[in-house]
Amino acid sequence: MKQSSQKNTFFGGAAILAMGIIVVKLIGALYKIPLGRILGDVGFGHFNNAYSVFNLLLMVSTAGLPVAMSKTISEANALGRHNQVNRVFRVCLATFIVLGSVTTAIMFFGAQPLANLQGDSMAAPAIRVMSLTAFFLCTVSAYRGFAQGHSDMVPTAVSQVIEAVAKLVVGLVLAWYLLRLGFGSEIAAAGAIGGVAAGSFVSLIYLILRHHRRNRPAQALSDDRPHSAGSILKSLLVIAVPITLSASVVPITTYIDTIQVQNLLQSALGYSEEMAVSLYGSYQKAVAIYNLPSSFMVSLTACIVPAVSAALTTKDKLGAGKVAESALRVGAMLAIPAGVGLAVLSGPVIQLLYPETNQEVASACMLILGIASIFVCVMLLCNAILQANGRATLPIWFIAIGSVLKLIVNFCLVQQPAVGIKGAPIGTLVCFSLVAIMELAAIKRVTPHPPKYRRVFVKPLIASLVMGGAVWAVYGLLAGRLGNTLSVAAAILVGVVVYGVLVILLRAVSKDDLSLMPKGDKIAKLLRIK
């Protein structure tokens, strides 16, 4: 009974976190789409250059330590060692404050050199404002790690939503108001970053208040003598460092990508700094849309690891294989049509969401990134399957290989006058398609009952291609009569209907597949799927 209760608690916690992340991703999209229109291509370039510096330094500072903290606290809490729990929390909080202070100092005092390195000297004000966010979020990580160590995922999910909403409201208002006052795009970008800082600050206040209200001193065991601060820190670093190294691959690659692309545009193609940043801003607007499909994989990946792990624990290797195959099939059914739809409607969608951007650049990038988004989703699902099967190091190596290849493709293509900035999304496509293929091959070799890839991908691919043709035809027929907005809406509606009908006719989904989704059993009953 106790084991069942723990299992339900774990799945409930995973579901809470997954829903929180999905909400945060959607709010993030709502933030970046109007922000891109307010700031323009150049301002959006400044904004994203500051963000890439922040993501890199924050990942190095906080990627592994919250996980190590929650694991250590969970173990001590299970043994009733409340003194040890409190000592671990104090050590982690002090460590995070130091890391946050160092990161803030690097970003604030090194803002101009960091901006110059990226080929965007005007991004310095945004980087300075972003430095405050680093301190707040490092401290936030301590409180989130403490709650997760007690299997309480609510504070993390709620604080993430609070942070996202505050960022949306404050960031958009500040960016708009500063432009209205007559400031340049670099100051408006710093204002938008101010929204990020405000969001992290409000999130921290919420977590501090909740922590002190909910966590009252508990009766400690008589022999509960906590370990020394040095011993605790050492044990935390043993867990945290490998996680940090693996998690840092993508932000490191992204940061190098921003440096490489903008500097190549200036040195090899002779663009001015402002023009290079403007082109990069147009590219990032396509990236903001391309990131949406992967956000819907969160709930699936959150369920894969515990479900597969539970099956393997009970020696049910066949059951583990079925869960992995169902997750991949459901993921494919969501990712492939989304990617095809973004590719087919790349130009119209960019025109709808970002009418003032460089249409030729952003649309071409969106076409490539739409296809790339399919491989990103597959990669995320494969990561979860490999992790659940105890092969967590394999995705790290695969992503590292793909990242190196991306940088090579960037270098070869971006400096070609006929390609330019469009080489960056091609590098992304090459990177993630290779990683996804390598991970699918690895799953075939290392799992006891690997998925049947023909059953996973063929039917969703057929349905998606037919849907893509229908979407293209509907938009083409209506665009001249109804205008872009109504034509895009009509094409998407027709695409959803066509795809839904084909999925049912082709029997592309089973009852077991739907059981991974919320209300899946009711959906299966409604559609008479067995």
Protein backbone atom coordinates (compact mmCIF):
# COMPACT_ATOMS: atom_id res chain seq x y z
CA MET A 1 0.00 0.00 0.00
CA LYS A 2 2.83 2.35 0.91
CA GLN A 3 4.64 1.60 -2.34
CA SER A 4 1.49 2.31 -4.35
CA SER A 5 1.02 5.59 -2.50
CA GLN A 6 4.61 6.60 -3.24
CA LYS A 7 4.18 5.69 -6.88
CA ASN A 8 1.00 7.76 -7.15
CA THR A 9 2.75 10.66 -5.43
CA PHE A 10 5.61 10.47 -7.89
CA PHE A 11 3.35 10.33 -10.94
CA GLY A 12 1.24 13.15 -9.50
CA GLY A 13 4.34 15.25 -8.94
CA ALA A 14 5.56 14.56 -12.48
CA ALA A 15 2.15 15.55 -13.85
CA ILE A 16 2.12 18.79 -11.82
CA LEU A 17 5.60 19.71 -13.06
CA ALA A 18 4.72 18.79 -16.65
CA MET A 19 1.57 20.92 -16.64
CA GLY A 20 3.48 23.79 -15.07
CA ILE A 21 6.19 23.62 -17.73
CA ILE A 22 3.62 23.49 -20.54
CA VAL A 23 1.88 26.60 -19.15
CA VAL A 24 5.26 28.34 -18.79
CA LYS A 25 6.21 27.45 -22.38
CA LEU A 26 2.92 28.80 -23.73
CA ILE A 27 3.28 32.02 -21.72
CA GLY A 28 6.85 32.26 -23.04
CA ALA A 29 5.55 32.05 -26.60
CA LEU A 30 2.95 34.72 -25.84
CA TYR A 31 5.80 36.83 -24.47
CA LYS A 32 8.23 36.47 -27.35
CA ILE A 33 5.77 36.94 -30.21
CA PRO A 34 4.57 40.45 -29.22
CA LEU A 35 8.03 41.26 -27.86
CA GLY A 36 9.54 40.54 -31.27
CA ARG A 37 7.05 42.93 -32.85
CA ILE A 38 7.70 45.65 -30.26
CA LEU A 39 11.51 45.46 -30.41
CA GLY A 40 11.95 44.87 -34.14
CA ASP A 41 14.64 42.63 -35.60
CA VAL A 42 17.62 44.54 -34.15
CA GLY A 43 16.14 44.87 -30.64
CA PHE A 44 15.11 41.21 -30.65
CA GLY A 45 18.68 40.35 -31.61
CA HIS A 46 20.01 42.30 -28.61
CA PHE A 47 17.48 40.54 -26.35
CA ASN A 48 18.44 37.05 -27.49
CA ASN A 49 22.17 37.76 -27.32
CA ALA A 50 21.77 38.73 -23.65
CA TYR A 51 19.67 35.62 -23.06
CA SER A 52 22.28 33.29 -24.53
CA VAL A 53 24.95 34.62 -22.13
CA PHE A 54 22.54 34.24 -19.21
CA ASN A 55 21.48 30.69 -20.16
CA LEU A 56 25.08 29.55 -20.39
CA LEU A 57 26.23 31.00 -17.06
CA LEU A 58 23.04 29.98 -15.23
CA MET A 59 23.26 26.41 -16.54
CA VAL A 60 26.85 26.10 -15.35
CA SER A 61 25.83 27.53 -11.97
CA THR A 62 22.61 25.65 -11.26
CA ALA A 63 22.04 22.69 -13.60
CA GLY A 64 23.15 19.87 -11.30
CA LEU A 65 23.01 21.25 -7.78
CA PRO A 66 19.17 21.39 -7.39
CA VAL A 67 18.95 17.74 -8.48
CA ALA A 68 21.71 16.73 -6.06
CA MET A 69 20.05 18.77 -3.32
CA SER A 70 16.61 17.26 -3.79
CA LYS A 71 18.09 13.72 -3.86
CA THR A 72 20.11 14.28 -0.67
CA ILE A 73 17.20 15.89 1.17
CA SER A 74 14.83 13.14 0.04
CA GLU A 75 17.16 10.44 1.42
CA ALA A 76 17.64 12.25 4.76
CA ASN A 77 13.92 12.97 5.06
CA ALA A 78 13.05 9.31 4.46
CA LEU A 79 15.23 8.42 7.46
CA GLY A 80 13.64 11.11 9.63
CA ARG A 81 16.92 13.05 9.83
CA HIS A 82 15.47 16.56 10.00
CA ASN A 83 18.69 18.10 11.34
CA GLN A 84 20.52 16.72 8.31
CA VAL A 85 17.79 18.09 6.02
CA ASN A 86 18.15 21.56 7.51
CA ARG A 87 21.96 21.46 7.30
CA VAL A 88 21.82 20.40 3.64
CA PHE A 89 19.41 23.23 2.87
CA ARG A 90 21.60 25.83 4.59
CA VAL A 91 24.72 24.61 2.79
CA CYS A 92 22.92 24.66 -0.57
CA LEU A 93 21.39 28.08 0.03
CA ALA A 94 24.79 29.55 0.90
CA THR A 95 26.35 27.86 -2.15
CA PHE A 96 23.64 29.18 -4.46
CA ILE A 97 24.00 32.70 -3.08
CA VAL A 98 27.76 32.57 -3.77
CA LEU A 99 27.24 31.16 -7.28
CA GLY A 100 24.55 33.74 -7.99
CA SER A 101 26.77 36.58 -6.78
CA VAL A 102 29.70 35.41 -8.93
CA THR A 103 27.48 34.97 -12.00
CA THR A 104 25.92 38.39 -11.47
CA ALA A 105 29.35 40.01 -11.11
CA ILE A 106 30.65 38.35 -14.31
CA MET A 107 27.62 39.49 -16.31
CA PHE A 108 27.45 43.00 -14.86
CA PHE A 109 31.12 43.97 -14.98
CA GLY A 110 31.90 41.90 -18.07
CA ALA A 111 28.82 42.95 -20.04
CA GLN A 112 30.66 44.94 -22.69
CA PRO A 113 33.36 42.31 -23.43
CA LEU A 114 30.69 39.58 -23.55
CA ALA A 115 28.59 41.65 -25.95
CA ASN A 116 31.62 42.47 -28.14
CA LEU A 117 32.50 38.77 -28.30
CA GLN A 118 29.09 38.04 -29.80
CA GLY A 119 29.52 40.75 -32.42
CA ASP A 120 26.76 42.84 -30.81
CA SER A 121 28.31 45.65 -28.77
CA MET A 122 24.87 47.20 -28.15
CA ALA A 123 23.66 44.17 -26.16
CA ALA A 124 25.67 45.27 -23.09
CA PRO A 125 22.79 47.11 -21.33
CA ALA A 126 20.56 44.04 -21.64
CA ILE A 127 23.30 41.79 -20.27
CA ARG A 128 23.77 44.10 -17.26
CA VAL A 129 20.06 44.02 -16.45
CA MET A 130 20.00 40.24 -16.95
CA SER A 131 22.79 39.90 -14.35
CA LEU A 132 20.23 40.58 -11.60
CA THR A 133 18.16 37.64 -12.83
CA ALA A 134 21.11 35.30 -12.33
CA PHE A 135 21.29 36.09 -8.60
CA PHE A 136 17.54 35.72 -8.07
CA LEU A 137 17.24 32.43 -9.98
CA CYS A 138 20.25 30.88 -8.24
CA THR A 139 18.56 31.56 -4.90
CA VAL A 140 15.23 30.33 -6.28
CA SER A 141 16.91 27.00 -7.14
CA ALA A 142 17.65 26.34 -3.44
CA TYR A 143 14.01 26.66 -2.43
CA ARG A 144 12.78 24.61 -5.39
CA GLY A 145 15.32 21.88 -4.61
CA PHE A 146 14.17 21.77 -0.97
CA ALA A 147 10.51 21.35 -1.96
CA GLN A 148 11.30 18.68 -4.57
CA GLY A 149 13.33 16.80 -1.99
CA HIS A 150 10.08 16.51 -0.02
CA SER A 151 8.23 15.28 -3.16
CA ASP A 152 6.34 18.57 -3.25
CA MET A 153 6.30 19.77 -6.85
CA VAL A 154 3.66 22.47 -6.33
CA PRO A 155 6.08 25.27 -5.27
CA THR A 156 8.25 24.70 -8.35
CA ALA A 157 5.29 24.65 -10.74
CA VAL A 158 3.54 27.66 -9.17
CA SER A 159 6.74 29.71 -8.95
CA GLN A 160 7.51 29.01 -12.62
CA VAL A 161 4.07 30.21 -13.67
CA ILE A 162 4.35 33.33 -11.45
CA GLU A 163 7.76 34.04 -12.96
CA ALA A 164 6.46 33.65 -16.51
CA VAL A 165 3.40 35.87 -15.98
CA ALA A 166 5.43 38.65 -14.34
CA LYS A 167 7.98 38.43 -17.16
CA LEU A 168 5.21 38.70 -19.74
CA VAL A 169 3.50 41.73 -18.19
CA VAL A 170 6.51 43.73 -16.95
CA GLY A 171 8.76 42.93 -19.92
CA LEU A 172 6.26 43.91 -22.61
CA VAL A 173 5.18 47.09 -20.82
CA LEU A 174 8.76 48.23 -20.15
CA ALA A 175 9.92 47.54 -23.73
CA TRP A 176 6.93 49.39 -25.21
CA TYR A 177 7.19 52.32 -22.81
CA LEU A 178 10.94 52.83 -23.31
CA LEU A 179 10.53 52.90 -27.08
CA ARG A 180 7.68 55.37 -26.71
CA LEU A 181 9.95 57.63 -24.62
CA GLY A 182 12.36 57.67 -27.55
CA PHE A 183 15.09 55.31 -26.32
CA GLY A 184 16.92 53.04 -28.78
CA SER A 185 16.32 49.36 -29.37
CA GLU A 186 19.22 48.39 -27.08
CA ILE A 187 17.59 50.15 -24.09
CA ALA A 188 14.17 48.70 -24.98
CA ALA A 189 15.75 45.23 -25.07
CA ALA A 190 17.19 45.90 -21.60
CA GLY A 191 13.67 46.87 -20.49
CA ALA A 192 12.32 43.58 -21.80
CA ILE A 193 15.06 41.79 -19.85
CA GLY A 194 13.88 43.80 -16.82
CA GLY A 195 10.69 41.78 -17.06
CA VAL A 196 12.73 38.59 -16.72
CA ALA A 197 14.46 39.99 -13.63
CA ALA A 198 11.12 41.07 -12.14
CA GLY A 199 9.65 37.61 -12.76
CA SER A 200 12.52 35.85 -11.02
CA PHE A 201 12.33 38.28 -8.08
CA VAL A 202 8.58 37.75 -7.58
CA SER A 203 9.10 33.98 -7.85
CA LEU A 204 11.78 34.15 -5.15
CA ILE A 205 9.53 36.14 -2.80
CA TYR A 206 6.73 33.59 -3.24
CA LEU A 207 9.07 30.66 -2.49
CA ILE A 208 10.58 32.32 0.60
CA LEU A 209 7.16 33.11 2.06
CA ARG A 210 5.82 29.63 1.31
CA HIS A 211 8.92 27.96 2.71
CA HIS A 212 8.75 29.78 6.06
CA ARG A 213 4.99 29.34 6.32
CA ARG A 214 4.89 25.62 5.53
CA ASN A 215 8.18 24.27 6.91
CA ARG A 216 8.14 24.41 10.68
CA PRO A 217 10.84 22.67 12.76
CA ALA A 218 10.13 18.95 13.15
CA GLN A 219 11.09 16.68 16.03
CA ALA A 220 14.57 15.35 15.27
CA LEU A 221 15.91 11.91 16.18
CA SER A 222 18.21 11.77 19.19
CA ASP A 223 21.10 10.46 17.07
CA ASP A 224 20.49 12.86 14.17
CA ARG A 225 23.90 14.52 14.05
CA PRO A 226 24.20 16.27 10.69
CA HIS A 227 27.32 15.92 8.57
CA SER A 228 29.76 18.79 8.34
CA ALA A 229 29.16 21.52 5.77
CA GLY A 230 32.29 20.49 3.85
CA SER A 231 31.24 16.84 3.73
CA ILE A 232 27.75 17.75 2.51
CA LEU A 233 29.11 20.08 -0.18
CA LYS A 234 31.52 17.40 -1.39
CA SER A 235 28.77 14.77 -1.68
CA LEU A 236 26.53 17.25 -3.49
CA LEU A 237 29.25 18.09 -6.02
CA VAL A 238 29.84 14.40 -6.77
CA ILE A 239 26.23 14.21 -7.98
CA ALA A 240 25.96 17.72 -9.44
CA VAL A 241 29.11 17.99 -11.58
CA PRO A 242 28.28 15.19 -14.11
CA ILE A 243 24.71 16.53 -14.45
CA THR A 244 26.05 20.05 -15.01
CA LEU A 245 28.51 18.87 -17.64
CA SER A 246 25.79 17.04 -19.57
CA ALA A 247 23.25 19.86 -19.27
CA SER A 248 25.77 22.49 -20.40
CA VAL A 249 26.35 21.01 -23.87
CA VAL A 250 23.32 22.69 -25.49
CA PRO A 251 23.71 26.19 -23.93
CA ILE A 252 27.43 26.15 -24.72
CA THR A 253 26.62 25.28 -28.34
CA THR A 254 23.90 27.95 -28.47
CA TYR A 255 26.29 30.57 -27.12
CA ILE A 256 29.04 29.63 -29.58
CA ASP A 257 26.38 29.65 -32.31
CA THR A 258 25.45 33.29 -31.54
CA ILE A 259 29.12 34.28 -31.58
CA GLN A 260 29.90 32.34 -34.73
CA VAL A 261 26.90 33.35 -36.85
CA GLN A 262 26.97 37.09 -36.16
CA ASN A 263 30.74 37.38 -36.49
CA LEU A 264 30.76 35.40 -39.76
CA LEU A 265 28.08 37.68 -41.19
CA GLN A 266 30.31 40.65 -40.41
CA SER A 267 33.77 39.28 -41.22
CA ALA A 268 33.01 37.00 -44.18
CA LEU A 269 30.06 38.77 -45.80
CA GLY A 270 30.89 42.36 -44.84
CA TYR A 271 27.63 43.20 -43.06
CA SER A 272 27.59 45.99 -40.51
CA GLU A 273 27.07 45.04 -36.87
CA GLU A 274 23.51 46.39 -36.92
CA MET A 275 22.65 44.43 -40.07
CA ALA A 276 24.12 41.20 -38.68
CA VAL A 277 22.17 41.61 -35.43
CA SER A 278 19.01 42.39 -37.42
CA LEU A 279 19.37 39.19 -39.47
CA TYR A 280 20.01 37.23 -36.28
CA GLY A 281 16.88 38.78 -34.76
CA SER A 282 14.81 37.65 -37.76
CA TYR A 283 16.21 34.14 -37.38
CA GLN A 284 15.37 34.12 -33.65
CA LYS A 285 11.75 34.96 -34.41
CA ALA A 286 11.53 31.73 -36.38
CA VAL A 287 13.26 29.95 -33.49
CA ALA A 288 10.59 31.20 -31.05
CA ILE A 289 7.90 29.43 -33.11
CA TYR A 290 10.04 26.33 -33.73
CA ASN A 291 10.37 25.76 -29.97
CA LEU A 292 6.60 25.35 -29.49
CA PRO A 293 6.15 21.68 -30.60
CA SER A 294 8.87 20.45 -28.23
CA SER A 295 7.07 22.04 -25.25
CA PHE A 296 4.24 19.54 -25.71
CA MET A 297 6.68 16.65 -25.29
CA VAL A 298 7.20 17.57 -21.63
CA SER A 299 4.21 15.67 -20.29
CA LEU A 300 5.23 12.57 -22.25
CA THR A 301 8.86 12.63 -21.13
CA ALA A 302 7.75 13.19 -17.53
CA CYS A 303 5.71 9.97 -17.73
CA ILE A 304 8.20 7.84 -19.66
CA VAL A 305 10.96 7.68 -17.04
CA PRO A 306 8.83 6.56 -14.06
CA ALA A 307 6.63 4.25 -16.17
CA VAL A 308 9.55 2.45 -17.85
CA SER A 309 11.57 2.39 -14.62
CA ALA A 310 8.62 0.88 -12.71
CA ALA A 311 8.21 -1.84 -15.34
CA LEU A 312 11.92 -2.68 -15.31
CA THR A 313 11.94 -2.79 -11.50
CA THR A 314 9.30 -5.55 -11.61
CA LYS A 315 11.26 -7.35 -14.36
CA ASP A 316 8.52 -6.55 -16.87
CA LYS A 317 10.80 -5.89 -19.83
CA LEU A 318 8.02 -6.42 -22.35
CA GLY A 319 5.84 -3.86 -20.54
CA ALA A 320 8.73 -1.37 -20.54
CA GLY A 321 9.10 -1.85 -24.29
CA LYS A 322 5.37 -1.28 -24.86
CA VAL A 323 5.43 1.97 -22.85
CA ALA A 324 8.42 3.21 -24.83
CA GLU A 325 6.77 2.35 -28.16
CA SER A 326 3.47 3.97 -27.19
CA ALA A 327 5.25 7.13 -26.02
CA LEU A 328 7.20 7.36 -29.26
CA ARG A 329 4.06 6.81 -31.33
CA VAL A 330 2.03 9.45 -29.46
CA GLY A 331 5.01 11.81 -29.70
CA ALA A 332 5.30 11.18 -33.44
CA MET A 333 1.57 11.78 -33.88
CA LEU A 334 1.99 15.21 -32.29
CA ALA A 335 5.42 16.21 -33.60
CA ILE A 336 5.24 15.20 -37.28
CA PRO A 337 2.03 17.12 -38.18
CA ALA A 338 3.22 20.13 -36.18
CA GLY A 339 6.55 20.17 -38.01
CA VAL A 340 4.96 19.63 -41.43
CA GLY A 341 2.39 22.34 -40.72
CA LEU A 342 5.08 24.87 -39.70
CA ALA A 343 7.08 24.06 -42.83
CA VAL A 344 4.12 24.28 -45.23
CA LEU A 345 2.79 27.50 -43.68
CA SER A 346 6.20 28.98 -42.83
CA GLY A 347 5.73 32.17 -44.85
CA PRO A 348 2.09 32.83 -43.90
CA VAL A 349 2.73 32.14 -40.18
CA ILE A 350 5.73 34.50 -40.08
CA GLN A 351 3.70 37.15 -41.90
CA LEU A 352 0.84 36.69 -39.42
CA LEU A 353 2.91 36.81 -36.23
CA TYR A 354 5.79 39.09 -37.30
CA PRO A 355 4.57 41.28 -40.19
CA GLU A 356 7.39 43.82 -39.76
CA THR A 357 10.31 41.36 -39.76
CA ASN A 358 12.52 40.42 -42.71
CA GLN A 359 10.00 38.07 -44.33
CA GLU A 360 12.40 36.40 -46.73
CA VAL A 361 14.90 35.48 -44.02
CA ALA A 362 12.44 34.50 -41.29
CA SER A 363 10.23 32.45 -43.65
CA ALA A 364 13.17 30.52 -45.09
CA CYS A 365 14.48 29.81 -41.57
CA MET A 366 11.01 28.74 -40.42
CA LEU A 367 10.69 26.27 -43.30
CA ILE A 368 13.90 24.51 -42.26
CA LEU A 369 13.23 24.73 -38.53
CA GLY A 370 9.73 23.28 -38.96
CA ILE A 371 11.28 20.03 -40.17
CA ALA A 372 13.99 20.25 -37.51
CA SER A 373 11.32 20.49 -34.77
CA ILE A 374 10.21 16.92 -35.58
CA PHE A 375 13.68 15.56 -34.86
CA VAL A 376 13.97 17.65 -31.67
CA CYS A 377 10.76 16.08 -30.35
CA VAL A 378 11.93 12.57 -31.25
CA MET A 379 15.26 13.27 -29.57
CA LEU A 380 13.58 14.39 -26.32
CA LEU A 381 11.48 11.22 -26.21
CA CYS A 382 14.52 9.05 -26.95
CA ASN A 383 16.48 10.82 -24.19
CA ALA A 384 13.79 9.85 -21.67
CA ILE A 385 13.70 6.23 -22.88
CA LEU A 386 17.48 5.87 -22.65
CA GLN A 387 17.54 7.49 -19.21
CA ALA A 388 14.82 5.14 -17.95
CA ASN A 389 16.88 2.19 -19.20
CA GLY A 390 19.97 3.35 -17.30
CA ARG A 391 21.76 4.77 -20.37
CA ALA A 392 21.77 8.44 -19.40
CA THR A 393 25.31 9.09 -20.69
CA LEU A 394 24.55 8.10 -24.29
CA PRO A 395 22.39 11.18 -25.09
CA ILE A 396 25.18 13.41 -23.75
CA TRP A 397 27.68 12.02 -26.26
CA PHE A 398 25.19 12.10 -29.11
CA ILE A 399 24.21 15.72 -28.44
CA ALA A 400 27.89 16.69 -28.17
CA ILE A 401 28.59 15.08 -31.57
CA GLY A 402 25.55 16.78 -33.12
CA SER A 403 26.53 20.14 -31.65
CA VAL A 404 30.04 19.95 -33.10
CA LEU A 405 28.56 19.07 -36.49
CA LYS A 406 26.16 22.04 -36.24
CA LEU A 407 29.05 24.44 -35.68
CA ILE A 408 30.93 22.95 -38.67
CA VAL A 409 27.85 23.30 -40.91
CA ASN A 410 27.37 26.88 -39.69
CA PHE A 411 30.98 27.74 -40.50
CA CYS A 412 30.75 26.26 -43.99
CA LEU A 413 27.37 27.75 -44.95
CA VAL A 414 26.87 31.09 -43.17
CA GLN A 415 29.85 32.69 -44.90
CA GLN A 416 28.46 31.72 -48.32
CA PRO A 417 26.76 34.81 -49.84
CA ALA A 418 23.94 32.71 -51.32
CA VAL A 419 23.14 31.16 -47.92
CA GLY A 420 24.12 33.58 -45.13
CA ILE A 421 21.97 33.43 -41.99
CA LYS A 422 19.98 30.53 -43.45
CA GLY A 423 22.98 28.32 -42.75
CA ALA A 424 22.17 28.49 -39.02
CA PRO A 425 18.82 26.62 -39.21
CA ILE A 426 20.37 24.14 -41.66
CA GLY A 427 23.00 23.44 -38.99
CA THR A 428 20.19 22.94 -36.46
CA LEU A 429 18.41 20.48 -38.76
CA VAL A 430 21.59 18.49 -39.41
CA CYS A 431 22.42 18.43 -35.70
CA PHE A 432 19.10 17.18 -34.34
CA SER A 433 18.33 14.80 -37.19
CA LEU A 434 21.68 13.10 -36.59
CA VAL A 435 21.14 13.00 -32.80
CA ALA A 436 17.63 11.56 -33.20
CA ILE A 437 18.83 8.86 -35.62
CA MET A 438 21.73 7.91 -33.34
CA GLU A 439 19.43 7.68 -30.33
CA LEU A 440 16.87 5.58 -32.20
CA ALA A 441 19.68 3.23 -33.23
CA ALA A 442 20.92 3.09 -29.63
CA ILE A 443 17.45 2.24 -28.30
CA LYS A 444 17.29 -0.60 -30.83
CA ARG A 445 20.54 -2.02 -29.49
CA VAL A 446 20.39 -1.47 -25.72
CA THR A 447 16.74 -2.02 -24.74
CA PRO A 448 15.36 -5.55 -24.21
CA HIS A 449 12.18 -5.04 -26.27
CA PRO A 450 12.83 -2.07 -28.59
CA PRO A 451 9.96 -0.27 -30.36
CA LYS A 452 8.97 -1.27 -33.87
CA TYR A 453 9.83 1.91 -35.72
CA ARG A 454 7.66 1.12 -38.72
CA ARG A 455 4.61 0.95 -36.43
CA VAL A 456 5.71 4.14 -34.71
CA PHE A 457 6.44 6.47 -37.62
CA VAL A 458 4.91 5.28 -40.92
CA LYS A 459 1.20 5.99 -40.30
CA PRO A 460 1.71 9.40 -38.62
CA LEU A 461 4.06 10.35 -41.48
CA ILE A 462 1.53 9.36 -44.17
CA ALA A 463 -1.27 11.21 -42.40
CA SER A 464 0.93 14.28 -41.91
CA LEU A 465 2.02 14.45 -45.55
CA VAL A 466 -1.58 14.22 -46.77
CA MET A 467 -2.54 16.86 -44.21
CA GLY A 468 0.33 19.07 -45.40
CA GLY A 469 -0.93 18.84 -48.98
CA ALA A 470 -4.45 19.78 -47.87
CA VAL A 471 -3.17 22.74 -45.83
CA TRP A 472 -1.06 24.00 -48.74
CA ALA A 473 -3.98 23.71 -51.17
CA VAL A 474 -6.51 25.42 -48.88
CA TYR A 475 -4.20 28.33 -48.14
CA GLY A 476 -3.34 28.73 -51.82
CA LEU A 477 -7.03 28.80 -52.81
CA LEU A 478 -8.11 31.26 -50.11
CA ALA A 479 -5.13 33.63 -49.72
CA GLY A 480 -6.11 35.87 -52.64
CA ARG A 481 -9.71 36.17 -51.43
CA LEU A 482 -9.74 36.17 -47.63
CA GLY A 483 -6.32 37.61 -46.83
CA ASN A 484 -3.51 36.01 -44.86
CA THR A 485 -5.05 35.78 -41.37
CA LEU A 486 -8.33 34.08 -42.32
CA SER A 487 -6.58 31.86 -44.85
CA VAL A 488 -4.08 30.63 -42.24
CA ALA A 489 -6.90 29.93 -39.77
CA ALA A 490 -8.93 28.05 -42.39
CA ALA A 491 -5.91 26.03 -43.54
CA ILE A 492 -5.06 25.02 -39.96
CA LEU A 493 -8.68 24.03 -39.26
CA VAL A 494 -8.83 21.89 -42.40
CA GLY A 495 -5.45 20.36 -41.52
CA VAL A 496 -6.63 19.36 -38.03
CA VAL A 497 -9.79 17.75 -39.41
CA VAL A 498 -7.97 15.91 -42.22
CA TYR A 499 -5.25 14.66 -39.88
CA GLY A 500 -7.73 13.54 -37.22
CA VAL A 501 -9.80 11.58 -39.74
CA LEU A 502 -6.70 9.93 -41.22
CA VAL A 503 -5.36 8.92 -37.79
CA ILE A 504 -8.63 7.13 -37.07
CA LEU A 505 -8.95 5.56 -40.53
CA LEU A 506 -5.35 4.33 -40.53
CA ARG A 507 -5.71 3.10 -36.93
CA ALA A 508 -2.52 4.94 -36.11
CA VAL A 509 -3.25 5.04 -32.38
CA SER A 510 -4.21 2.33 -29.89
CA LYS A 511 -5.95 2.38 -26.52
CA ASP A 512 -2.58 1.76 -24.82
CA ASP A 513 -1.15 4.83 -26.57
CA LEU A 514 -4.00 7.05 -25.39
CA SER A 515 -3.60 5.82 -21.81
CA LEU A 516 -0.41 7.92 -21.64
CA MET A 517 -2.44 11.07 -22.22
CA PRO A 518 -4.80 12.87 -19.81
CA LYS A 519 -8.36 11.49 -20.17
CA GLY A 520 -6.95 8.99 -22.68
CA ASP A 521 -9.35 6.19 -21.71
CA LYS A 522 -12.37 8.44 -22.29
CA ILE A 523 -10.97 9.57 -25.65
CA ALA A 524 -10.45 5.94 -26.69
CA LYS A 525 -14.02 5.08 -25.68
CA LEU A 526 -15.43 8.09 -27.54
CA LEU A 527 -13.52 7.20 -30.73
CA ARG A 528 -14.20 3.46 -30.27
CA ILE A 529 -10.51 2.67 -30.30
CA LYS A 530 -9.56 -0.73 -28.90
